[in-house]
Amino acid sequence: MGEDSIRESPWKFNLELSPEQEEELIDKLAERIHKHSLGLMFLVTIESLGPLTRIGAELGSTLFGPYLDFLGMEEIVVLLRKSENIDRLIEKVELLDAEKKKAKQSK
């Protein structure tokens, strides 16, 4: 079976994000995680799943494609397919948590 035999998904999970779009989405996700005080839970979950995150993004786009598309999460799925984006998201969440902790200590 070659590349030509793979059917293209009707959902937008085959799109590519520009580096600017990736950075903007990482910032949005990190801010949302931080805003809801989910930093530690996110870090523990994402670090423990590690390599499975990309597989989950692939599997999720297949099984839950219509729902993710309806919820507007297709860009997040595309973002999480790249392990370097996961690392960048982790770094951003850690940075925001460190800034919050530093601000608390200085009060």
C-alpha atoms as a PDB file:
ATOM      1  CA  MET A   1       0.000   0.000   0.000  1.00  0.00           C
ATOM      2  CA  GLY A   2       1.536   3.294  -1.075  1.00  0.00           C
ATOM      3  CA  GLU A   3       0.979   6.914  -0.125  1.00  0.00           C
ATOM      4  CA  ASP A   4      -1.610   7.273  -2.900  1.00  0.00           C
ATOM      5  CA  SER A   5      -3.871   4.673  -1.329  1.00  0.00           C
ATOM      6  CA  ILE A   6      -4.307   6.620   1.926  1.00  0.00           C
ATOM      7  CA  ARG A   7      -7.625   8.420   1.916  1.00  0.00           C
ATOM      8  CA  GLU A   8      -7.578  12.014   2.992  1.00  0.00           C
ATOM      9  CA  SER A   9      -9.578  12.878   6.099  1.00  0.00           C
ATOM     10  CA  PRO A  10     -12.667  15.022   5.572  1.00  0.00           C
ATOM     11  CA  TRP A  11     -11.633  16.984   8.657  1.00  0.00           C
ATOM     12  CA  LYS A  12      -8.933  19.617   8.831  1.00  0.00           C
ATOM     13  CA  PHE A  13      -6.386  17.504  10.692  1.00  0.00           C
ATOM     14  CA  ASN A  14      -4.106  17.333   7.673  1.00  0.00           C
ATOM     15  CA  LEU A  15      -3.471  21.069   7.687  1.00  0.00           C
ATOM     16  CA  GLU A  16      -0.092  22.550   8.513  1.00  0.00           C
ATOM     17  CA  LEU A  17       0.360  25.391  10.956  1.00  0.00           C
ATOM     18  CA  SER A  18       2.864  28.150  10.302  1.00  0.00           C
ATOM     19  CA  PRO A  19       5.478  28.781  13.005  1.00  0.00           C
ATOM     20  CA  GLU A  20       3.591  31.963  13.948  1.00  0.00           C
ATOM     21  CA  GLN A  21       0.319  30.040  14.290  1.00  0.00           C
ATOM     22  CA  GLU A  22       2.038  27.390  16.398  1.00  0.00           C
ATOM     23  CA  GLU A  23       3.534  30.021  18.699  1.00  0.00           C
ATOM     24  CA  GLU A  24       0.207  31.829  19.056  1.00  0.00           C
ATOM     25  CA  LEU A  25      -1.632  28.589  19.840  1.00  0.00           C
ATOM     26  CA  ILE A  26       1.026  27.520  22.368  1.00  0.00           C
ATOM     27  CA  ASP A  27       0.692  30.896  24.093  1.00  0.00           C
ATOM     28  CA  LYS A  28      -3.118  30.616  24.179  1.00  0.00           C
ATOM     29  CA  LEU A  29      -3.053  27.078  25.552  1.00  0.00           C
ATOM     30  CA  ALA A  30      -0.434  27.900  28.181  1.00  0.00           C
ATOM     31  CA  GLU A  31      -2.388  30.986  29.282  1.00  0.00           C
ATOM     32  CA  ARG A  32      -5.601  28.969  29.551  1.00  0.00           C
ATOM     33  CA  ILE A  33      -3.888  26.200  31.534  1.00  0.00           C
ATOM     34  CA  HIS A  34      -2.288  28.785  33.809  1.00  0.00           C
ATOM     35  CA  LYS A  35      -5.504  30.831  34.211  1.00  0.00           C
ATOM     36  CA  HIS A  36      -7.359  27.792  35.539  1.00  0.00           C
ATOM     37  CA  SER A  37      -4.459  26.782  37.829  1.00  0.00           C
ATOM     38  CA  LEU A  38      -3.964  23.497  35.999  1.00  0.00           C
ATOM     39  CA  GLY A  39      -0.215  23.872  35.510  1.00  0.00           C
ATOM     40  CA  LEU A  40       0.885  21.065  37.804  1.00  0.00           C
ATOM     41  CA  MET A  41      -1.854  18.689  36.648  1.00  0.00           C
ATOM     42  CA  PHE A  42      -1.021  19.430  33.010  1.00  0.00           C
ATOM     43  CA  LEU A  43       2.703  18.906  33.548  1.00  0.00           C
ATOM     44  CA  VAL A  44       2.252  15.611  35.381  1.00  0.00           C
ATOM     45  CA  THR A  45      -0.188  14.322  32.778  1.00  0.00           C
ATOM     46  CA  ILE A  46       1.758  15.395  29.701  1.00  0.00           C
ATOM     47  CA  GLU A  47       5.129  14.254  31.104  1.00  0.00           C
ATOM     48  CA  SER A  48       3.759  10.841  32.062  1.00  0.00           C
ATOM     49  CA  LEU A  49       2.150  10.318  28.662  1.00  0.00           C
ATOM     50  CA  GLY A  50       5.199  11.604  26.781  1.00  0.00           C
ATOM     51  CA  PRO A  51       5.535   9.670  23.525  1.00  0.00           C
ATOM     52  CA  LEU A  52       1.902   8.596  23.616  1.00  0.00           C
ATOM     53  CA  THR A  53       0.725  12.183  23.096  1.00  0.00           C
ATOM     54  CA  ARG A  54       1.459  12.093  19.364  1.00  0.00           C
ATOM     55  CA  ILE A  55      -0.225   8.710  19.006  1.00  0.00           C
ATOM     56  CA  GLY A  56      -3.197  10.086  20.935  1.00  0.00           C
ATOM     57  CA  ALA A  57      -3.397  13.065  18.588  1.00  0.00           C
ATOM     58  CA  GLU A  58      -3.411  10.733  15.583  1.00  0.00           C
ATOM     59  CA  LEU A  59      -5.931   8.348  17.118  1.00  0.00           C
ATOM     60  CA  GLY A  60      -8.086  11.161  18.428  1.00  0.00           C
ATOM     61  CA  SER A  61      -8.317  12.785  15.013  1.00  0.00           C
ATOM     62  CA  THR A  62      -9.564   9.498  13.576  1.00  0.00           C
ATOM     63  CA  LEU A  63     -11.998   8.462  16.291  1.00  0.00           C
ATOM     64  CA  PHE A  64     -13.209  11.837  17.476  1.00  0.00           C
ATOM     65  CA  GLY A  65     -12.717  13.837  14.271  1.00  0.00           C
ATOM     66  CA  PRO A  66     -16.273  15.132  13.919  1.00  0.00           C
ATOM     67  CA  TYR A  67     -16.445  16.167  17.569  1.00  0.00           C
ATOM     68  CA  LEU A  68     -13.033  17.831  17.614  1.00  0.00           C
ATOM     69  CA  ASP A  69     -13.875  19.680  14.415  1.00  0.00           C
ATOM     70  CA  PHE A  70     -17.197  20.821  15.902  1.00  0.00           C
ATOM     71  CA  LEU A  71     -15.419  22.034  19.053  1.00  0.00           C
ATOM     72  CA  GLY A  72     -12.787  23.870  16.982  1.00  0.00           C
ATOM     73  CA  MET A  73      -9.934  21.760  18.334  1.00  0.00           C
ATOM     74  CA  GLU A  74      -8.441  20.614  15.028  1.00  0.00           C
ATOM     75  CA  GLU A  75      -5.559  23.093  15.353  1.00  0.00           C
ATOM     76  CA  ILE A  76      -4.698  21.725  18.805  1.00  0.00           C
ATOM     77  CA  VAL A  77      -4.585  18.179  17.439  1.00  0.00           C
ATOM     78  CA  VAL A  78      -2.300  19.317  14.608  1.00  0.00           C
ATOM     79  CA  LEU A  79      -0.110  21.190  17.112  1.00  0.00           C
ATOM     80  CA  LEU A  80       0.282  18.169  19.423  1.00  0.00           C
ATOM     81  CA  ARG A  81       1.441  15.911  16.592  1.00  0.00           C
ATOM     82  CA  LYS A  82       4.881  17.534  16.806  1.00  0.00           C
ATOM     83  CA  SER A  83       6.814  16.580  19.912  1.00  0.00           C
ATOM     84  CA  GLU A  84       8.793  19.838  19.835  1.00  0.00           C
ATOM     85  CA  ASN A  85       5.509  21.746  20.231  1.00  0.00           C
ATOM     86  CA  ILE A  86       4.673  19.689  23.285  1.00  0.00           C
ATOM     87  CA  ASP A  87       8.077  20.587  24.743  1.00  0.00           C
ATOM     88  CA  ARG A  88       7.493  24.274  23.956  1.00  0.00           C
ATOM     89  CA  LEU A  89       4.078  24.144  25.616  1.00  0.00           C
ATOM     90  CA  ILE A  90       5.568  22.529  28.727  1.00  0.00           C
ATOM     91  CA  GLU A  91       8.260  25.216  28.891  1.00  0.00           C
ATOM     92  CA  LYS A  92       5.685  27.990  28.543  1.00  0.00           C
ATOM     93  CA  VAL A  93       3.463  26.558  31.306  1.00  0.00           C
ATOM     94  CA  GLU A  94       6.497  26.140  33.588  1.00  0.00           C
ATOM     95  CA  LEU A  95       7.543  29.744  32.880  1.00  0.00           C
ATOM     96  CA  LEU A  96       4.086  31.101  33.721  1.00  0.00           C
ATOM     97  CA  ASP A  97       3.953  29.038  36.924  1.00  0.00           C
ATOM     98  CA  ALA A  98       7.423  30.253  37.934  1.00  0.00           C
ATOM     99  CA  GLU A  99       6.416  33.881  37.303  1.00  0.00           C
ATOM    100  CA  LYS A 100       3.298  33.445  39.435  1.00  0.00           C
ATOM    101  CA  LYS A 101       5.310  31.857  42.249  1.00  0.00           C
ATOM    102  CA  LYS A 102       7.900  34.642  42.096  1.00  0.00           C
ATOM    103  CA  ALA A 103       5.173  37.297  42.190  1.00  0.00           C
ATOM    104  CA  LYS A 104       3.620  35.642  45.267  1.00  0.00           C
ATOM    105  CA  GLN A 105       6.957  35.523  47.069  1.00  0.00           C
ATOM    106  CA  SER A 106       7.681  39.187  46.405  1.00  0.00           C
ATOM    107  CA  LYS A 107       4.421  40.296  48.057  1.00  0.00           C
END
